[in-house]
Amino acid sequence: MRRADLLQLEDIAAGYPTRERFLTELTLDPPDATSGQAGVPLLEEDYLILSTIHSAKGQEWKSVFVLNTVDGCIPSDLGAGTTDEIEEERRLLYVAMTRARDSLNLVVPQRFFTHGQSSTGDRHVYASRTRFIPASLLELFECRAWPRVAPGSPINSGPRQVRVDVGARMRGMWR
């Protein structure tokens, strides 16, 4: 962050009685963009643009990250009822992928957290790559995983039995 951005954030925070109240309000109702008050960005790389695929039509950026390129998101499970809906979802992915000038990154998470699972079991559901990029096309992509695992090292060292009360730790941070 630049100094002007930090000063602007400090001015906004000064109007709240506690840090907790400030963060709650900021989360629920973020302030209008202050980029005009912070000054003109020095370079194109000085800022990040978050966009929906629909609003990205006609735009172009140096680097594009398309998040959640998995079935259920692309295509959306709400838009996968008919052949026409599936084709519209395919066109949307095409739009997203063609917004990149130099670098395109399709992010495929392995799994998602969900509230509907049992509290004693795994609270994640596994995701599968979007049906619009079949295995036969994967050779056209550079596939990377995070975190990087050294060859020969175990992928999973087994379940951890440590339980952490994250809520208590968070409350302790604001005192």
N, C-alpha and C. Protein backbone atom coordinates (compact mmCIF):
# COMPACT_ATOMS: atom_id res chain seq x y z
N MET A 1 0.84 -1.19 0.00
CA MET A 1 0.00 0.00 0.00
C MET A 1 0.88 1.24 0.00
N ARG A 2 0.41 2.23 -0.67
CA ARG A 2 1.13 3.49 -0.65
C ARG A 2 0.74 4.30 0.58
N ARG A 3 1.56 5.25 0.92
CA ARG A 3 1.35 6.08 2.11
C ARG A 3 -0.02 6.77 2.08
N ALA A 4 -0.40 7.29 0.91
CA ALA A 4 -1.69 7.98 0.81
C ALA A 4 -2.85 7.04 1.12
N ASP A 5 -2.73 5.77 0.70
CA ASP A 5 -3.78 4.79 0.99
C ASP A 5 -3.88 4.55 2.49
N LEU A 6 -2.74 4.44 3.15
CA LEU A 6 -2.73 4.20 4.59
C LEU A 6 -3.30 5.39 5.35
N LEU A 7 -2.98 6.58 4.92
CA LEU A 7 -3.52 7.78 5.57
C LEU A 7 -5.03 7.84 5.41
N GLN A 8 -5.52 7.49 4.23
CA GLN A 8 -6.96 7.48 3.98
C GLN A 8 -7.64 6.45 4.88
N LEU A 9 -7.04 5.27 5.02
CA LEU A 9 -7.59 4.23 5.88
C LEU A 9 -7.60 4.69 7.34
N GLU A 10 -6.55 5.37 7.75
CA GLU A 10 -6.48 5.89 9.11
C GLU A 10 -7.59 6.91 9.36
N ASP A 11 -7.87 7.79 8.39
CA ASP A 11 -8.95 8.77 8.53
C ASP A 11 -10.31 8.09 8.69
N ILE A 12 -10.54 7.05 7.91
CA ILE A 12 -11.81 6.34 7.99
C ILE A 12 -11.95 5.65 9.35
N ALA A 13 -10.87 4.99 9.80
CA ALA A 13 -10.89 4.25 11.07
C ALA A 13 -11.10 5.17 12.27
N ALA A 14 -10.67 6.40 12.18
CA ALA A 14 -10.77 7.34 13.31
C ALA A 14 -12.23 7.60 13.70
N GLY A 15 -13.16 7.35 12.82
CA GLY A 15 -14.57 7.60 13.12
C GLY A 15 -15.27 6.47 13.86
N TYR A 16 -14.55 5.43 14.25
CA TYR A 16 -15.15 4.29 14.92
C TYR A 16 -14.61 4.16 16.34
N PRO A 17 -15.46 3.74 17.29
CA PRO A 17 -15.02 3.67 18.69
C PRO A 17 -14.02 2.54 18.97
N THR A 18 -14.13 1.41 18.23
CA THR A 18 -13.22 0.29 18.47
C THR A 18 -12.76 -0.28 17.13
N ARG A 19 -11.66 -1.01 17.19
CA ARG A 19 -11.14 -1.67 16.00
C ARG A 19 -12.14 -2.73 15.49
N GLU A 20 -12.77 -3.44 16.44
CA GLU A 20 -13.74 -4.45 16.07
C GLU A 20 -14.91 -3.84 15.29
N ARG A 21 -15.42 -2.72 15.78
CA ARG A 21 -16.55 -2.05 15.11
C ARG A 21 -16.14 -1.57 13.72
N PHE A 22 -14.94 -1.02 13.61
CA PHE A 22 -14.43 -0.54 12.33
C PHE A 22 -14.35 -1.70 11.33
N LEU A 23 -13.77 -2.82 11.75
CA LEU A 23 -13.62 -3.95 10.84
C LEU A 23 -14.96 -4.56 10.46
N THR A 24 -15.90 -4.59 11.42
CA THR A 24 -17.23 -5.10 11.12
C THR A 24 -17.92 -4.24 10.08
N GLU A 25 -17.90 -2.94 10.28
CA GLU A 25 -18.53 -2.01 9.33
C GLU A 25 -17.84 -2.06 7.97
N LEU A 26 -16.53 -2.14 7.97
CA LEU A 26 -15.77 -2.19 6.72
C LEU A 26 -16.12 -3.44 5.93
N THR A 27 -16.31 -4.56 6.64
CA THR A 27 -16.66 -5.81 5.99
C THR A 27 -18.07 -5.77 5.43
N LEU A 28 -19.02 -5.24 6.21
CA LEU A 28 -20.42 -5.24 5.81
C LEU A 28 -20.74 -4.16 4.79
N ASP A 29 -20.08 -3.02 4.87
CA ASP A 29 -20.38 -1.91 3.98
C ASP A 29 -19.09 -1.16 3.65
N PRO A 30 -18.30 -1.67 2.68
CA PRO A 30 -17.03 -1.02 2.39
C PRO A 30 -17.23 0.40 1.87
N PRO A 31 -16.28 1.30 2.15
CA PRO A 31 -16.41 2.68 1.67
C PRO A 31 -16.28 2.74 0.16
N ASP A 32 -16.74 3.84 -0.42
CA ASP A 32 -16.57 4.04 -1.85
C ASP A 32 -15.08 4.04 -2.17
N ALA A 33 -14.76 3.76 -3.43
CA ALA A 33 -13.36 3.74 -3.84
C ALA A 33 -12.70 5.06 -3.51
N THR A 34 -11.49 4.99 -3.00
CA THR A 34 -10.76 6.20 -2.63
C THR A 34 -9.56 6.40 -3.52
N SER A 35 -9.51 5.70 -4.66
CA SER A 35 -8.32 5.77 -5.50
C SER A 35 -8.07 7.18 -6.00
N GLY A 36 -9.11 7.98 -6.21
CA GLY A 36 -8.92 9.35 -6.64
C GLY A 36 -8.26 10.19 -5.55
N GLN A 37 -8.56 9.88 -4.29
CA GLN A 37 -7.97 10.61 -3.18
C GLN A 37 -6.54 10.16 -2.91
N ALA A 38 -6.24 8.90 -3.24
CA ALA A 38 -4.91 8.36 -2.95
C ALA A 38 -3.89 8.78 -4.01
N GLY A 39 -4.36 9.28 -5.14
CA GLY A 39 -3.43 9.67 -6.19
C GLY A 39 -3.50 8.71 -7.36
N VAL A 40 -2.94 9.12 -8.45
CA VAL A 40 -2.96 8.33 -9.68
C VAL A 40 -1.95 7.18 -9.55
N PRO A 41 -2.34 5.94 -9.93
CA PRO A 41 -1.38 4.85 -9.88
C PRO A 41 -0.18 5.16 -10.77
N LEU A 42 0.99 4.70 -10.34
CA LEU A 42 2.19 4.98 -11.10
C LEU A 42 2.31 4.11 -12.34
N LEU A 43 1.94 2.86 -12.24
CA LEU A 43 2.03 1.92 -13.35
C LEU A 43 0.77 1.08 -13.40
N GLU A 44 0.55 0.41 -14.52
CA GLU A 44 -0.60 -0.47 -14.65
C GLU A 44 -0.57 -1.56 -13.57
N GLU A 45 0.62 -2.01 -13.18
CA GLU A 45 0.76 -3.07 -12.20
C GLU A 45 0.48 -2.61 -10.78
N ASP A 46 0.18 -1.33 -10.55
CA ASP A 46 -0.01 -0.82 -9.20
C ASP A 46 -1.38 -1.15 -8.62
N TYR A 47 -2.25 -1.79 -9.37
CA TYR A 47 -3.55 -2.07 -8.82
C TYR A 47 -4.10 -3.38 -9.37
N LEU A 48 -5.12 -3.89 -8.73
CA LEU A 48 -5.75 -5.15 -9.07
C LEU A 48 -7.20 -4.85 -9.44
N ILE A 49 -7.65 -5.45 -10.51
CA ILE A 49 -9.05 -5.29 -10.91
C ILE A 49 -9.76 -6.61 -10.70
N LEU A 50 -10.82 -6.58 -9.90
CA LEU A 50 -11.67 -7.76 -9.71
C LEU A 50 -12.90 -7.55 -10.57
N SER A 51 -13.26 -8.56 -11.34
CA SER A 51 -14.35 -8.40 -12.29
C SER A 51 -15.12 -9.70 -12.42
N THR A 52 -16.38 -9.58 -12.77
CA THR A 52 -17.13 -10.77 -13.17
C THR A 52 -16.82 -11.01 -14.64
N ILE A 53 -17.12 -12.20 -15.10
CA ILE A 53 -16.88 -12.49 -16.52
C ILE A 53 -17.78 -11.62 -17.38
N HIS A 54 -19.02 -11.44 -16.97
CA HIS A 54 -19.94 -10.61 -17.75
C HIS A 54 -19.43 -9.19 -17.93
N SER A 55 -18.92 -8.59 -16.87
CA SER A 55 -18.46 -7.20 -16.99
C SER A 55 -17.08 -7.10 -17.62
N ALA A 56 -16.41 -8.23 -17.83
CA ALA A 56 -15.09 -8.21 -18.47
C ALA A 56 -15.18 -8.19 -20.00
N LYS A 57 -16.37 -8.40 -20.53
CA LYS A 57 -16.53 -8.41 -21.99
C LYS A 57 -16.02 -7.09 -22.56
N GLY A 58 -15.18 -7.19 -23.60
CA GLY A 58 -14.64 -6.01 -24.25
C GLY A 58 -13.39 -5.47 -23.57
N GLN A 59 -13.02 -6.00 -22.42
CA GLN A 59 -11.84 -5.54 -21.69
C GLN A 59 -10.66 -6.45 -22.03
N GLU A 60 -9.46 -6.00 -21.69
CA GLU A 60 -8.26 -6.81 -21.86
C GLU A 60 -7.25 -6.41 -20.81
N TRP A 61 -6.56 -7.41 -20.23
CA TRP A 61 -5.56 -7.14 -19.21
C TRP A 61 -4.31 -7.95 -19.51
N LYS A 62 -3.20 -7.50 -18.96
CA LYS A 62 -1.93 -8.20 -19.15
C LYS A 62 -2.01 -9.61 -18.58
N SER A 63 -2.49 -9.75 -17.37
CA SER A 63 -2.62 -11.05 -16.70
C SER A 63 -4.06 -11.23 -16.22
N VAL A 64 -4.56 -12.43 -16.39
CA VAL A 64 -5.92 -12.75 -15.96
C VAL A 64 -5.89 -14.05 -15.16
N PHE A 65 -6.59 -14.04 -14.02
CA PHE A 65 -6.78 -15.23 -13.21
C PHE A 65 -8.27 -15.53 -13.22
N VAL A 66 -8.65 -16.69 -13.70
CA VAL A 66 -10.05 -17.12 -13.68
C VAL A 66 -10.17 -18.09 -12.51
N LEU A 67 -10.92 -17.68 -11.50
CA LEU A 67 -11.05 -18.48 -10.28
C LEU A 67 -12.12 -19.55 -10.42
N ASN A 68 -11.92 -20.64 -9.71
CA ASN A 68 -12.92 -21.71 -9.61
C ASN A 68 -13.37 -22.25 -10.96
N THR A 69 -12.42 -22.66 -11.79
CA THR A 69 -12.78 -23.25 -13.08
C THR A 69 -13.07 -24.73 -12.87
N VAL A 70 -14.13 -24.97 -12.12
CA VAL A 70 -14.59 -26.32 -11.80
C VAL A 70 -16.08 -26.43 -12.12
N ASP A 71 -16.52 -27.67 -12.36
CA ASP A 71 -17.94 -27.88 -12.57
C ASP A 71 -18.69 -27.43 -11.32
N GLY A 72 -19.78 -26.77 -11.51
CA GLY A 72 -20.54 -26.18 -10.41
C GLY A 72 -20.34 -24.68 -10.37
N CYS A 73 -19.18 -24.23 -10.85
CA CYS A 73 -18.90 -22.80 -10.95
C CYS A 73 -18.86 -22.39 -12.43
N ILE A 74 -18.09 -23.12 -13.22
CA ILE A 74 -18.03 -22.91 -14.68
C ILE A 74 -18.09 -24.29 -15.32
N PRO A 75 -19.22 -24.77 -15.74
CA PRO A 75 -20.50 -24.09 -15.77
C PRO A 75 -21.14 -24.03 -14.38
N SER A 76 -21.88 -22.98 -14.17
CA SER A 76 -22.61 -22.83 -12.92
C SER A 76 -23.66 -23.93 -12.85
N ASP A 77 -23.82 -24.54 -11.68
CA ASP A 77 -24.83 -25.57 -11.57
C ASP A 77 -26.24 -25.01 -11.74
N LEU A 78 -26.37 -23.68 -11.62
CA LEU A 78 -27.67 -23.05 -11.87
C LEU A 78 -27.93 -22.84 -13.35
N GLY A 79 -26.87 -22.85 -14.16
CA GLY A 79 -27.02 -22.61 -15.60
C GLY A 79 -26.68 -23.83 -16.42
N ALA A 80 -26.92 -25.02 -15.89
CA ALA A 80 -26.55 -26.24 -16.61
C ALA A 80 -27.76 -27.14 -16.82
N GLY A 81 -28.92 -26.53 -17.01
CA GLY A 81 -30.13 -27.32 -17.15
C GLY A 81 -30.42 -27.75 -18.57
N THR A 82 -30.11 -26.91 -19.54
CA THR A 82 -30.40 -27.23 -20.93
C THR A 82 -29.13 -27.11 -21.77
N THR A 83 -29.19 -27.62 -22.98
CA THR A 83 -28.05 -27.52 -23.89
C THR A 83 -27.71 -26.06 -24.17
N ASP A 84 -28.72 -25.22 -24.35
CA ASP A 84 -28.47 -23.80 -24.60
C ASP A 84 -27.78 -23.14 -23.41
N GLU A 85 -28.18 -23.49 -22.19
CA GLU A 85 -27.53 -22.92 -21.00
C GLU A 85 -26.07 -23.37 -20.90
N ILE A 86 -25.82 -24.63 -21.22
CA ILE A 86 -24.43 -25.13 -21.19
C ILE A 86 -23.59 -24.38 -22.22
N GLU A 87 -24.12 -24.15 -23.40
CA GLU A 87 -23.37 -23.43 -24.44
C GLU A 87 -23.11 -21.99 -24.03
N GLU A 88 -24.05 -21.37 -23.34
CA GLU A 88 -23.83 -20.01 -22.84
C GLU A 88 -22.72 -20.00 -21.80
N GLU A 89 -22.68 -20.99 -20.93
CA GLU A 89 -21.61 -21.10 -19.94
C GLU A 89 -20.26 -21.32 -20.62
N ARG A 90 -20.24 -22.10 -21.69
CA ARG A 90 -19.00 -22.33 -22.44
C ARG A 90 -18.52 -21.02 -23.07
N ARG A 91 -19.44 -20.24 -23.60
CA ARG A 91 -19.08 -18.94 -24.18
C ARG A 91 -18.54 -18.00 -23.10
N LEU A 92 -19.10 -18.05 -21.91
CA LEU A 92 -18.60 -17.21 -20.82
C LEU A 92 -17.15 -17.57 -20.46
N LEU A 93 -16.83 -18.86 -20.41
CA LEU A 93 -15.45 -19.25 -20.15
C LEU A 93 -14.55 -18.76 -21.27
N TYR A 94 -15.01 -18.84 -22.50
CA TYR A 94 -14.23 -18.33 -23.63
C TYR A 94 -13.96 -16.83 -23.45
N VAL A 95 -14.97 -16.07 -23.07
CA VAL A 95 -14.79 -14.64 -22.82
C VAL A 95 -13.72 -14.43 -21.75
N ALA A 96 -13.83 -15.16 -20.64
CA ALA A 96 -12.87 -15.00 -19.55
C ALA A 96 -11.46 -15.31 -20.02
N MET A 97 -11.29 -16.38 -20.77
CA MET A 97 -9.96 -16.80 -21.20
C MET A 97 -9.35 -15.86 -22.24
N THR A 98 -10.17 -15.20 -23.00
CA THR A 98 -9.65 -14.33 -24.05
C THR A 98 -9.45 -12.88 -23.59
N ARG A 99 -9.57 -12.61 -22.30
CA ARG A 99 -9.30 -11.27 -21.79
C ARG A 99 -7.80 -11.07 -21.52
N ALA A 100 -7.01 -12.14 -21.53
CA ALA A 100 -5.59 -12.07 -21.17
C ALA A 100 -4.72 -11.77 -22.39
N ARG A 101 -3.83 -10.77 -22.23
CA ARG A 101 -2.85 -10.47 -23.28
C ARG A 101 -1.63 -11.37 -23.18
N ASP A 102 -1.04 -11.48 -21.97
CA ASP A 102 0.23 -12.19 -21.80
C ASP A 102 0.12 -13.45 -20.96
N SER A 103 -0.72 -13.45 -19.96
CA SER A 103 -0.73 -14.54 -19.00
C SER A 103 -2.15 -14.89 -18.59
N LEU A 104 -2.50 -16.15 -18.78
CA LEU A 104 -3.82 -16.66 -18.38
C LEU A 104 -3.61 -17.74 -17.34
N ASN A 105 -4.29 -17.62 -16.20
CA ASN A 105 -4.21 -18.60 -15.12
C ASN A 105 -5.61 -19.09 -14.80
N LEU A 106 -5.84 -20.38 -15.00
CA LEU A 106 -7.12 -20.98 -14.64
C LEU A 106 -6.93 -21.68 -13.30
N VAL A 107 -7.60 -21.21 -12.28
CA VAL A 107 -7.42 -21.73 -10.93
C VAL A 107 -8.47 -22.81 -10.68
N VAL A 108 -7.97 -24.01 -10.38
CA VAL A 108 -8.84 -25.17 -10.13
C VAL A 108 -8.58 -25.64 -8.70
N PRO A 109 -9.41 -25.22 -7.75
CA PRO A 109 -9.21 -25.67 -6.37
C PRO A 109 -9.50 -27.17 -6.26
N GLN A 110 -8.79 -27.82 -5.37
CA GLN A 110 -9.00 -29.25 -5.18
C GLN A 110 -10.31 -29.50 -4.43
N ARG A 111 -10.62 -28.63 -3.48
CA ARG A 111 -11.83 -28.84 -2.70
C ARG A 111 -12.35 -27.52 -2.15
N PHE A 112 -13.60 -27.53 -1.71
CA PHE A 112 -14.28 -26.36 -1.17
C PHE A 112 -14.76 -26.65 0.24
N PHE A 113 -14.73 -25.63 1.10
CA PHE A 113 -15.31 -25.74 2.43
C PHE A 113 -16.82 -25.63 2.29
N THR A 114 -17.53 -26.39 3.09
CA THR A 114 -18.98 -26.32 3.05
C THR A 114 -19.55 -26.36 4.47
N HIS A 115 -20.66 -25.73 4.67
CA HIS A 115 -21.32 -25.73 5.98
C HIS A 115 -22.23 -26.93 6.16
N GLY A 116 -22.52 -27.66 5.08
CA GLY A 116 -23.49 -28.74 5.14
C GLY A 116 -22.94 -30.07 5.61
N GLN A 117 -21.65 -30.18 5.86
CA GLN A 117 -21.06 -31.45 6.26
C GLN A 117 -21.12 -31.61 7.78
N SER A 118 -20.96 -32.84 8.22
CA SER A 118 -20.93 -33.14 9.65
C SER A 118 -19.75 -32.45 10.32
N SER A 119 -19.94 -31.94 11.52
CA SER A 119 -18.86 -31.24 12.22
C SER A 119 -17.76 -32.19 12.66
N THR A 120 -18.03 -33.49 12.69
CA THR A 120 -17.00 -34.45 13.08
C THR A 120 -16.23 -35.00 11.89
N GLY A 121 -16.71 -34.75 10.69
CA GLY A 121 -16.05 -35.27 9.49
C GLY A 121 -15.36 -34.16 8.72
N ASP A 122 -14.92 -34.47 7.53
CA ASP A 122 -14.28 -33.49 6.66
C ASP A 122 -15.34 -32.51 6.19
N ARG A 123 -15.08 -31.22 6.39
CA ARG A 123 -16.07 -30.20 6.02
C ARG A 123 -15.78 -29.66 4.63
N HIS A 124 -15.23 -30.48 3.75
CA HIS A 124 -14.90 -30.06 2.39
C HIS A 124 -15.55 -31.01 1.39
N VAL A 125 -15.83 -30.49 0.23
CA VAL A 125 -16.26 -31.32 -0.89
C VAL A 125 -15.21 -31.16 -1.98
N TYR A 126 -14.95 -32.23 -2.69
CA TYR A 126 -13.93 -32.22 -3.73
C TYR A 126 -14.50 -31.69 -5.03
N ALA A 127 -13.68 -30.97 -5.76
CA ALA A 127 -14.10 -30.32 -7.00
C ALA A 127 -13.46 -31.03 -8.18
N SER A 128 -14.12 -30.97 -9.33
CA SER A 128 -13.53 -31.52 -10.55
C SER A 128 -13.40 -30.39 -11.57
N ARG A 129 -12.31 -30.44 -12.34
CA ARG A 129 -12.04 -29.44 -13.37
C ARG A 129 -13.27 -29.28 -14.26
N THR A 130 -13.47 -28.08 -14.75
CA THR A 130 -14.61 -27.82 -15.62
C THR A 130 -14.65 -28.79 -16.81
N ARG A 131 -15.82 -29.20 -17.16
CA ARG A 131 -16.00 -30.12 -18.28
C ARG A 131 -15.59 -29.49 -19.61
N PHE A 132 -15.43 -28.16 -19.62
CA PHE A 132 -15.05 -27.47 -20.85
C PHE A 132 -13.56 -27.62 -21.18
N ILE A 133 -12.79 -28.16 -20.25
CA ILE A 133 -11.37 -28.42 -20.51
C ILE A 133 -11.14 -29.91 -20.23
N PRO A 134 -11.40 -30.75 -21.24
CA PRO A 134 -11.24 -32.19 -21.05
C PRO A 134 -9.77 -32.59 -20.92
N ALA A 135 -9.53 -33.80 -20.44
CA ALA A 135 -8.17 -34.29 -20.23
C ALA A 135 -7.35 -34.23 -21.52
N SER A 136 -7.99 -34.40 -22.65
CA SER A 136 -7.26 -34.38 -23.93
C SER A 136 -6.63 -33.01 -24.22
N LEU A 137 -7.11 -31.95 -23.59
CA LEU A 137 -6.54 -30.61 -23.79
C LEU A 137 -5.50 -30.22 -22.75
N LEU A 138 -5.35 -31.02 -21.69
CA LEU A 138 -4.44 -30.64 -20.60
C LEU A 138 -3.00 -30.49 -21.06
N GLU A 139 -2.60 -31.20 -22.11
CA GLU A 139 -1.22 -31.07 -22.60
C GLU A 139 -0.94 -29.68 -23.15
N LEU A 140 -1.96 -28.90 -23.42
CA LEU A 140 -1.80 -27.52 -23.90
C LEU A 140 -1.59 -26.53 -22.75
N PHE A 141 -1.75 -27.00 -21.53
CA PHE A 141 -1.64 -26.15 -20.35
C PHE A 141 -0.41 -26.52 -19.53
N GLU A 142 0.14 -25.54 -18.85
CA GLU A 142 1.17 -25.79 -17.85
C GLU A 142 0.44 -25.97 -16.53
N CYS A 143 0.50 -27.17 -15.97
CA CYS A 143 -0.22 -27.46 -14.73
C CYS A 143 0.73 -27.34 -13.56
N ARG A 144 0.33 -26.55 -12.57
CA ARG A 144 1.12 -26.36 -11.36
C ARG A 144 0.24 -26.58 -10.16
N ALA A 145 0.85 -27.02 -9.07
CA ALA A 145 0.13 -27.23 -7.82
C ALA A 145 0.76 -26.37 -6.74
N TRP A 146 -0.05 -26.01 -5.75
CA TRP A 146 0.46 -25.28 -4.60
C TRP A 146 -0.05 -25.98 -3.36
N PRO A 147 0.72 -26.13 -2.35
CA PRO A 147 2.14 -25.76 -2.28
C PRO A 147 2.98 -26.73 -3.09
N ARG A 148 4.13 -26.27 -3.53
CA ARG A 148 5.01 -27.13 -4.31
C ARG A 148 5.53 -28.25 -3.41
N VAL A 149 5.54 -29.45 -3.93
CA VAL A 149 5.99 -30.62 -3.19
C VAL A 149 7.24 -31.16 -3.87
N ALA A 150 8.28 -31.35 -3.11
CA ALA A 150 9.52 -31.90 -3.66
C ALA A 150 9.29 -33.34 -4.08
N PRO A 151 9.88 -33.77 -5.22
CA PRO A 151 9.72 -35.17 -5.65
C PRO A 151 10.20 -36.12 -4.56
N GLY A 152 9.41 -37.17 -4.33
CA GLY A 152 9.79 -38.17 -3.35
C GLY A 152 9.29 -37.89 -1.94
N SER A 153 8.83 -36.66 -1.67
CA SER A 153 8.34 -36.38 -0.32
C SER A 153 6.87 -36.77 -0.22
N PRO A 154 6.45 -37.19 0.97
CA PRO A 154 5.05 -37.60 1.12
C PRO A 154 4.11 -36.42 0.90
N ILE A 155 3.03 -36.67 0.17
CA ILE A 155 2.08 -35.61 -0.13
C ILE A 155 1.30 -35.21 1.12
N ASN A 156 0.93 -36.20 1.91
CA ASN A 156 0.17 -35.92 3.12
C ASN A 156 0.80 -36.71 4.26
N SER A 157 1.20 -36.04 5.29
CA SER A 157 1.86 -36.71 6.40
C SER A 157 0.85 -37.31 7.38
N GLY A 158 -0.41 -37.36 7.01
CA GLY A 158 -1.43 -37.96 7.87
C GLY A 158 -2.27 -36.90 8.55
N PRO A 159 -3.37 -37.32 9.14
CA PRO A 159 -4.26 -36.34 9.78
C PRO A 159 -3.62 -35.74 11.02
N ARG A 160 -3.90 -34.46 11.22
CA ARG A 160 -3.43 -33.78 12.43
C ARG A 160 -4.55 -33.80 13.43
N GLN A 161 -4.23 -34.07 14.68
CA GLN A 161 -5.24 -34.17 15.72
C GLN A 161 -5.31 -32.91 16.58
N VAL A 162 -4.76 -31.81 16.11
CA VAL A 162 -4.75 -30.57 16.87
C VAL A 162 -6.03 -29.79 16.57
N ARG A 163 -6.76 -29.43 17.61
CA ARG A 163 -7.97 -28.61 17.44
C ARG A 163 -7.65 -27.21 17.95
N VAL A 164 -8.01 -26.22 17.15
CA VAL A 164 -7.72 -24.84 17.49
C VAL A 164 -9.04 -24.08 17.54
N ASP A 165 -9.23 -23.31 18.59
CA ASP A 165 -10.41 -22.46 18.70
C ASP A 165 -10.07 -21.14 18.02
N VAL A 166 -10.36 -21.07 16.72
CA VAL A 166 -10.01 -19.89 15.93
C VAL A 166 -10.78 -18.66 16.43
N GLY A 167 -12.03 -18.84 16.80
CA GLY A 167 -12.82 -17.72 17.30
C GLY A 167 -12.19 -17.09 18.53
N ALA A 168 -11.73 -17.91 19.46
CA ALA A 168 -11.09 -17.38 20.67
C ALA A 168 -9.80 -16.67 20.33
N ARG A 169 -9.04 -17.22 19.41
CA ARG A 169 -7.79 -16.56 19.01
C ARG A 169 -8.08 -15.21 18.36
N MET A 170 -9.09 -15.14 17.53
CA MET A 170 -9.43 -13.88 16.86
C MET A 170 -9.88 -12.83 17.89
N ARG A 171 -10.73 -13.25 18.83
CA ARG A 171 -11.17 -12.31 19.87
C ARG A 171 -9.99 -11.81 20.68
N GLY A 172 -9.02 -12.69 20.96
CA GLY A 172 -7.84 -12.31 21.71
C GLY A 172 -6.97 -11.30 20.99
N MET A 173 -7.03 -11.29 19.67
CA MET A 173 -6.22 -10.35 18.89
C MET A 173 -6.70 -8.90 19.03
N TRP A 174 -7.97 -8.72 19.35
CA TRP A 174 -8.54 -7.37 19.36
C TRP A 174 -8.63 -6.78 20.76
N ARG A 175 -8.00 -7.38 21.72
CA ARG A 175 -8.05 -6.85 23.08
C ARG A 175 -6.82 -6.10 23.41
